[in-house]
Amino acid sequence: MLQKSEEFLVVHKEGHFHDHVDNGYYFSIHSGIEEVIAKNGDICRFVFISKLESEKKGL
């Protein structure tokens, strides 16, 4: 029996990826999350917190 992939929605603030001082830090977190989720055959989407309401409407 094939296991259905889960989809994870990772919500974050816009500024975290635009601030060049912290960019490497947040990039490593972003990559780590993707890697762990992909190992289980699941999918993740990263969404800005300001776009969360529109994501809820699309469900």
Protein backbone atom coordinates (compact mmCIF):
# COMPACT_ATOMS: atom_id res chain seq x y z
CA MET A 1 0.00 0.00 0.00
CA LEU A 2 1.37 3.39 -1.01
CA GLN A 3 1.58 5.99 1.71
CA LYS A 4 0.06 9.36 0.85
CA SER A 5 2.44 12.33 1.04
CA GLU A 6 1.68 14.96 3.62
CA GLU A 7 1.96 18.65 2.85
CA PHE A 8 3.44 20.96 5.47
CA LEU A 9 2.97 24.70 5.43
CA VAL A 10 5.90 26.56 7.00
CA VAL A 11 4.96 30.11 7.95
CA HIS A 12 7.66 32.75 8.34
CA LYS A 13 8.16 36.50 8.46
CA GLU A 14 9.20 38.28 5.25
CA GLY A 15 12.15 40.06 6.84
CA HIS A 16 14.02 36.90 7.80
CA PHE A 17 15.18 36.20 4.27
CA HIS A 18 15.76 39.82 3.29
CA ASP A 19 18.12 40.70 6.14
CA HIS A 20 21.60 39.95 4.80
CA VAL A 21 23.07 39.58 8.31
CA ASP A 22 20.77 36.67 9.18
CA ASN A 23 20.34 35.30 5.67
CA GLY A 24 22.77 32.39 6.14
CA TYR A 25 21.16 31.43 9.43
CA TYR A 26 17.62 31.35 8.05
CA PHE A 27 18.77 29.68 4.84
CA SER A 28 20.22 26.80 6.87
CA ILE A 29 16.96 26.48 8.82
CA HIS A 30 14.96 26.56 5.57
CA SER A 31 17.18 23.89 4.00
CA GLY A 32 17.07 21.69 7.10
CA ILE A 33 13.28 21.76 7.22
CA GLU A 34 13.04 20.86 3.53
CA GLU A 35 15.55 18.04 3.93
CA VAL A 36 13.80 16.39 6.89
CA ILE A 37 10.37 16.65 5.30
CA ALA A 38 11.61 15.31 1.95
CA LYS A 39 13.20 12.27 3.64
CA ASN A 40 9.71 11.15 4.58
CA GLY A 41 8.44 11.72 1.04
CA ASP A 42 6.41 14.71 2.15
CA ILE A 43 6.11 18.19 0.70
CA CYS A 44 6.60 21.57 2.34
CA ARG A 45 5.70 25.05 1.21
CA PHE A 46 7.12 28.20 2.76
CA VAL A 47 4.61 31.03 3.07
CA PHE A 48 5.02 34.58 4.34
CA ILE A 49 2.90 35.25 7.41
CA SER A 50 1.22 38.12 5.54
CA LYS A 51 0.01 35.60 2.92
CA LEU A 52 -1.34 33.09 5.45
CA GLU A 53 -4.93 34.30 5.21
CA SER A 54 -4.98 33.82 1.42
CA GLU A 55 -3.53 30.29 1.89
CA LYS A 56 -6.40 29.44 4.25
CA LYS A 57 -8.95 30.56 1.67
CA GLY A 58 -7.34 28.31 -0.96
CA LEU A 59 -7.83 25.18 1.14
